[in-house]
Amino acid sequence: MGNIVIAPVGENSDALFVGIREFPTEKIVLLSNKSYIDKANSIKKDLEKFKIPVQIKEMEGELWESTFKAVADIKKIEGDKDILINVATGDRIMQCAATSAAFVNGIKAFNVAGDKAALLPVLKFNYYRILTDKKLDILKFMYKNKCCASLDELSKKTKMSLPLVSYHINGNLKSEGLKELGLVETSGKKRKVEINLTRLGKLLIEGYIS
């Protein structure tokens, strides 16, 4: 069986065919916004010659959010199948968004230079697998309640002890906290530390990262 290849549609469509040559491909999912939809349909027509099934997933709204959502949706649909993301086919912003989506979802990605494809050093990493229930509870609470102005406030509202809340936010030598994972950001000192979700934290809780 081949790979499910996710490819953002951009100006470098030749990189898509290099990827097909380098990696066995079962199906291709093209990620396209409205401005590239005609190009996506043209690519789909060209790929029919190779008898490779092609799905076009049209993205709407803010680029980073729509890219994360599209990648997470595809992963859920395809289950345990091998998925690769060809980041070379999109423009620079799409390359960054697609690479980030690959990283947080634990999906392999590759770039193309000339006529050669190379896997990127993307770790098999998945946020949900390393987040404890308590950490997820804190993130969900902050997302729903737009909290918090201090660790004390977060402690009282989540009904967790202050040391436990501090541990989940800041971590220790043996365990990364939400701050180090890039899911929350803090400002201030000691107990007067304001805590906010980062953009990545919001995307995770919205279910865009699987």
Protein backbone atom coordinates (compact mmCIF):
# COMPACT_ATOMS: atom_id res chain seq x y z
CA MET A 1 0.00 0.00 0.00
CA GLY A 2 1.15 3.53 -0.72
CA ASN A 3 0.98 6.76 1.24
CA ILE A 4 -1.79 9.29 1.58
CA VAL A 5 -0.02 12.45 0.40
CA ILE A 6 -1.30 15.85 1.53
CA ALA A 7 -0.14 18.68 -0.70
CA PRO A 8 -0.94 22.39 -0.42
CA VAL A 9 -1.63 23.91 -3.84
CA GLY A 10 0.70 26.73 -4.85
CA GLU A 11 3.06 27.72 -7.63
CA ASN A 12 5.39 24.73 -7.33
CA SER A 13 3.18 21.94 -8.65
CA ASP A 14 6.20 20.16 -10.20
CA ALA A 15 7.25 19.21 -6.67
CA LEU A 16 4.11 17.11 -6.43
CA PHE A 17 5.24 14.84 -9.25
CA VAL A 18 8.73 14.52 -7.76
CA GLY A 19 7.09 13.34 -4.53
CA ILE A 20 5.03 10.76 -6.40
CA ARG A 21 8.19 9.38 -7.97
CA GLU A 22 10.04 9.22 -4.64
CA PHE A 23 7.25 7.89 -2.40
CA PRO A 24 4.65 5.21 -3.26
CA THR A 25 1.36 7.10 -3.41
CA GLU A 26 -2.09 5.64 -2.84
CA LYS A 27 -4.04 8.89 -2.83
CA ILE A 28 -3.39 12.63 -2.94
CA VAL A 29 -5.32 15.25 -1.01
CA LEU A 30 -4.83 18.76 -2.37
CA LEU A 31 -5.30 21.64 0.06
CA SER A 32 -6.47 24.70 -1.84
CA ASN A 33 -7.91 28.10 -1.04
CA LYS A 34 -10.27 29.80 -3.49
CA SER A 35 -7.49 31.59 -5.37
CA TYR A 36 -5.87 28.27 -6.33
CA ILE A 37 -8.96 26.14 -6.94
CA ASP A 38 -8.61 26.26 -10.75
CA LYS A 39 -5.00 25.13 -10.45
CA ALA A 40 -6.07 22.34 -8.09
CA ASN A 41 -8.59 21.07 -10.64
CA SER A 42 -5.92 21.22 -13.36
CA ILE A 43 -3.53 19.17 -11.22
CA LYS A 44 -6.27 16.65 -10.50
CA LYS A 45 -6.86 16.24 -14.22
CA ASP A 46 -3.14 15.69 -14.86
CA LEU A 47 -2.95 13.08 -12.11
CA GLU A 48 -5.77 11.08 -13.66
CA LYS A 49 -3.18 9.94 -16.20
CA PHE A 50 -1.34 8.16 -13.39
CA LYS A 51 -4.53 6.52 -12.07
CA ILE A 52 -3.97 8.16 -8.67
CA PRO A 53 -7.16 9.16 -6.81
CA VAL A 54 -7.18 12.86 -5.98
CA GLN A 55 -9.33 14.72 -3.47
CA ILE A 56 -9.49 18.50 -3.36
CA LYS A 57 -10.09 19.97 0.08
CA GLU A 58 -11.02 23.64 -0.26
CA MET A 59 -9.96 25.71 2.71
CA GLU A 60 -11.74 28.77 4.00
CA GLY A 61 -10.88 31.41 6.55
CA GLU A 62 -7.55 32.17 8.19
CA LEU A 63 -4.73 30.19 6.57
CA TRP A 64 -3.04 28.70 9.64
CA GLU A 65 -6.31 27.69 11.26
CA SER A 66 -7.72 26.19 8.06
CA THR A 67 -4.49 24.28 7.37
CA PHE A 68 -4.39 22.78 10.88
CA LYS A 69 -8.06 21.85 10.66
CA ALA A 70 -7.69 20.27 7.21
CA VAL A 71 -4.68 18.15 8.24
CA ALA A 72 -6.37 17.00 11.47
CA ASP A 73 -9.57 16.11 9.59
CA ILE A 74 -7.66 14.08 7.01
CA LYS A 75 -5.77 12.21 9.72
CA LYS A 76 -9.01 11.31 11.48
CA ILE A 77 -10.58 10.07 8.25
CA GLU A 78 -7.57 8.04 7.12
CA GLY A 79 -7.02 6.42 10.52
CA ASP A 80 -3.87 4.31 10.71
CA LYS A 81 -2.84 4.74 7.08
CA ASP A 82 0.58 6.17 6.31
CA ILE A 83 0.33 9.92 5.67
CA LEU A 84 2.95 12.24 4.21
CA ILE A 85 2.79 16.00 3.74
CA ASN A 86 4.54 17.47 0.70
CA VAL A 87 5.31 20.96 1.97
CA ALA A 88 7.18 22.00 -1.20
CA THR A 89 4.07 22.51 -3.33
CA GLY A 90 2.69 25.52 -1.46
CA ASP A 91 3.88 29.10 -1.11
CA ARG A 92 6.16 30.09 1.79
CA ILE A 93 3.40 30.72 4.30
CA MET A 94 1.68 27.45 3.38
CA GLN A 95 5.00 25.63 3.72
CA CYS A 96 5.34 26.92 7.29
CA ALA A 97 1.72 26.13 8.18
CA ALA A 98 1.89 22.64 6.65
CA THR A 99 5.20 21.84 8.38
CA SER A 100 3.82 22.97 11.74
CA ALA A 101 0.64 20.93 11.23
CA ALA A 102 2.78 17.89 10.42
CA PHE A 103 4.84 18.36 13.58
CA VAL A 104 2.00 18.69 16.06
CA ASN A 105 0.06 15.82 14.50
CA GLY A 106 3.04 13.47 14.33
CA ILE A 107 2.90 13.23 10.52
CA LYS A 108 5.99 12.82 8.34
CA ALA A 109 6.69 15.65 5.90
CA PHE A 110 9.09 16.12 3.02
CA ASN A 111 10.48 18.96 0.95
CA VAL A 112 11.63 18.94 -2.66
CA ALA A 113 14.77 20.56 -4.03
CA GLY A 114 15.18 20.26 -7.76
CA ASP A 115 14.37 16.67 -8.64
CA LYS A 116 15.09 15.25 -5.19
CA ALA A 117 12.73 14.77 -2.24
CA ALA A 118 13.98 14.67 1.34
CA LEU A 119 12.14 13.88 4.55
CA LEU A 120 12.11 16.71 7.09
CA PRO A 121 13.24 16.07 10.68
CA VAL A 122 9.66 16.11 11.94
CA LEU A 123 9.28 14.05 15.09
CA LYS A 124 6.55 11.49 15.59
CA PHE A 125 5.00 13.79 18.15
CA ASN A 126 1.42 14.16 19.24
CA TYR A 127 0.28 16.68 21.85
CA TYR A 128 -2.70 14.65 23.00
CA ARG A 129 -0.46 11.70 23.84
CA ILE A 130 1.75 13.69 26.20
CA LEU A 131 -0.93 15.84 27.83
CA THR A 132 -2.38 14.46 31.03
CA ASP A 133 -6.09 14.75 31.76
CA LYS A 134 -5.37 17.55 34.25
CA LYS A 135 -3.39 19.56 31.73
CA LEU A 136 -6.17 19.14 29.18
CA ASP A 137 -8.72 20.18 31.80
CA ILE A 138 -6.77 23.39 32.43
CA LEU A 139 -6.57 24.18 28.70
CA LYS A 140 -10.27 23.51 28.18
CA PHE A 141 -11.19 25.67 31.16
CA MET A 142 -9.02 28.55 29.95
CA TYR A 143 -10.45 28.31 26.45
CA LYS A 144 -14.03 28.36 27.68
CA ASN A 145 -13.62 31.00 30.39
CA LYS A 146 -10.90 33.26 28.93
CA CYS A 147 -8.96 32.78 32.17
CA CYS A 148 -6.81 33.75 34.07
CA ALA A 149 -5.32 36.87 35.62
CA SER A 150 -3.20 34.89 38.09
CA LEU A 151 -2.23 31.40 39.19
CA ASP A 152 -4.38 31.93 42.28
CA GLU A 153 -7.43 32.61 40.14
CA LEU A 154 -6.77 29.57 37.97
CA SER A 155 -6.27 27.46 41.10
CA LYS A 156 -9.58 28.54 42.64
CA LYS A 157 -11.64 28.24 39.48
CA THR A 158 -10.31 24.82 38.51
CA LYS A 159 -10.42 23.63 42.14
CA MET A 160 -6.82 22.47 41.95
CA SER A 161 -4.19 23.33 44.52
CA LEU A 162 -1.86 26.20 43.70
CA PRO A 163 1.27 23.97 43.64
CA LEU A 164 -0.48 21.57 41.26
CA VAL A 165 -1.58 24.36 38.95
CA SER A 166 1.94 25.82 38.97
CA TYR A 167 3.35 22.38 38.16
CA HIS A 168 1.03 21.90 35.17
CA ILE A 169 1.76 25.40 33.85
CA ASN A 170 5.52 25.56 34.48
CA GLY A 171 6.53 21.89 34.64
CA ASN A 172 9.70 20.63 36.32
CA LEU A 173 12.95 18.88 35.42
CA LYS A 174 11.12 15.63 34.64
CA SER A 175 7.95 16.90 32.97
CA GLU A 176 7.29 19.73 30.54
CA GLY A 177 4.63 22.22 31.52
CA LEU A 178 2.03 23.83 29.29
CA LYS A 179 4.25 26.89 28.97
CA GLU A 180 7.24 24.95 27.66
CA LEU A 181 4.98 23.04 25.27
CA GLY A 182 3.97 26.35 23.75
CA LEU A 183 0.31 26.02 24.70
CA VAL A 184 0.13 28.87 27.23
CA GLU A 185 2.08 32.06 27.77
CA THR A 186 2.60 33.92 31.01
CA SER A 187 3.53 37.43 32.10
CA GLY A 188 4.22 38.88 35.53
CA LYS A 189 5.92 37.50 38.63
CA LYS A 190 5.17 34.85 41.25
CA ARG A 191 1.44 34.57 42.04
CA LYS A 192 0.53 37.59 39.92
CA VAL A 193 1.26 35.73 36.72
CA GLU A 194 -1.29 36.29 34.00
CA ILE A 195 -1.89 33.16 31.94
CA ASN A 196 -3.23 33.06 28.39
CA LEU A 197 -3.64 30.39 25.76
CA THR A 198 -1.31 30.68 22.80
CA ARG A 199 -2.62 30.34 19.28
CA LEU A 200 -1.44 26.73 19.27
CA GLY A 201 -3.25 26.09 22.55
CA LYS A 202 -6.49 27.44 21.09
CA LEU A 203 -6.13 25.32 17.93
CA LEU A 204 -5.54 22.20 20.01
CA ILE A 205 -8.62 22.68 22.15
CA GLU A 206 -10.75 23.48 19.14
CA GLY A 207 -9.89 20.00 17.96
CA TYR A 208 -7.76 21.05 15.02
CA ILE A 209 -4.84 19.03 16.29
CA SER A 210 -5.41 15.31 16.69
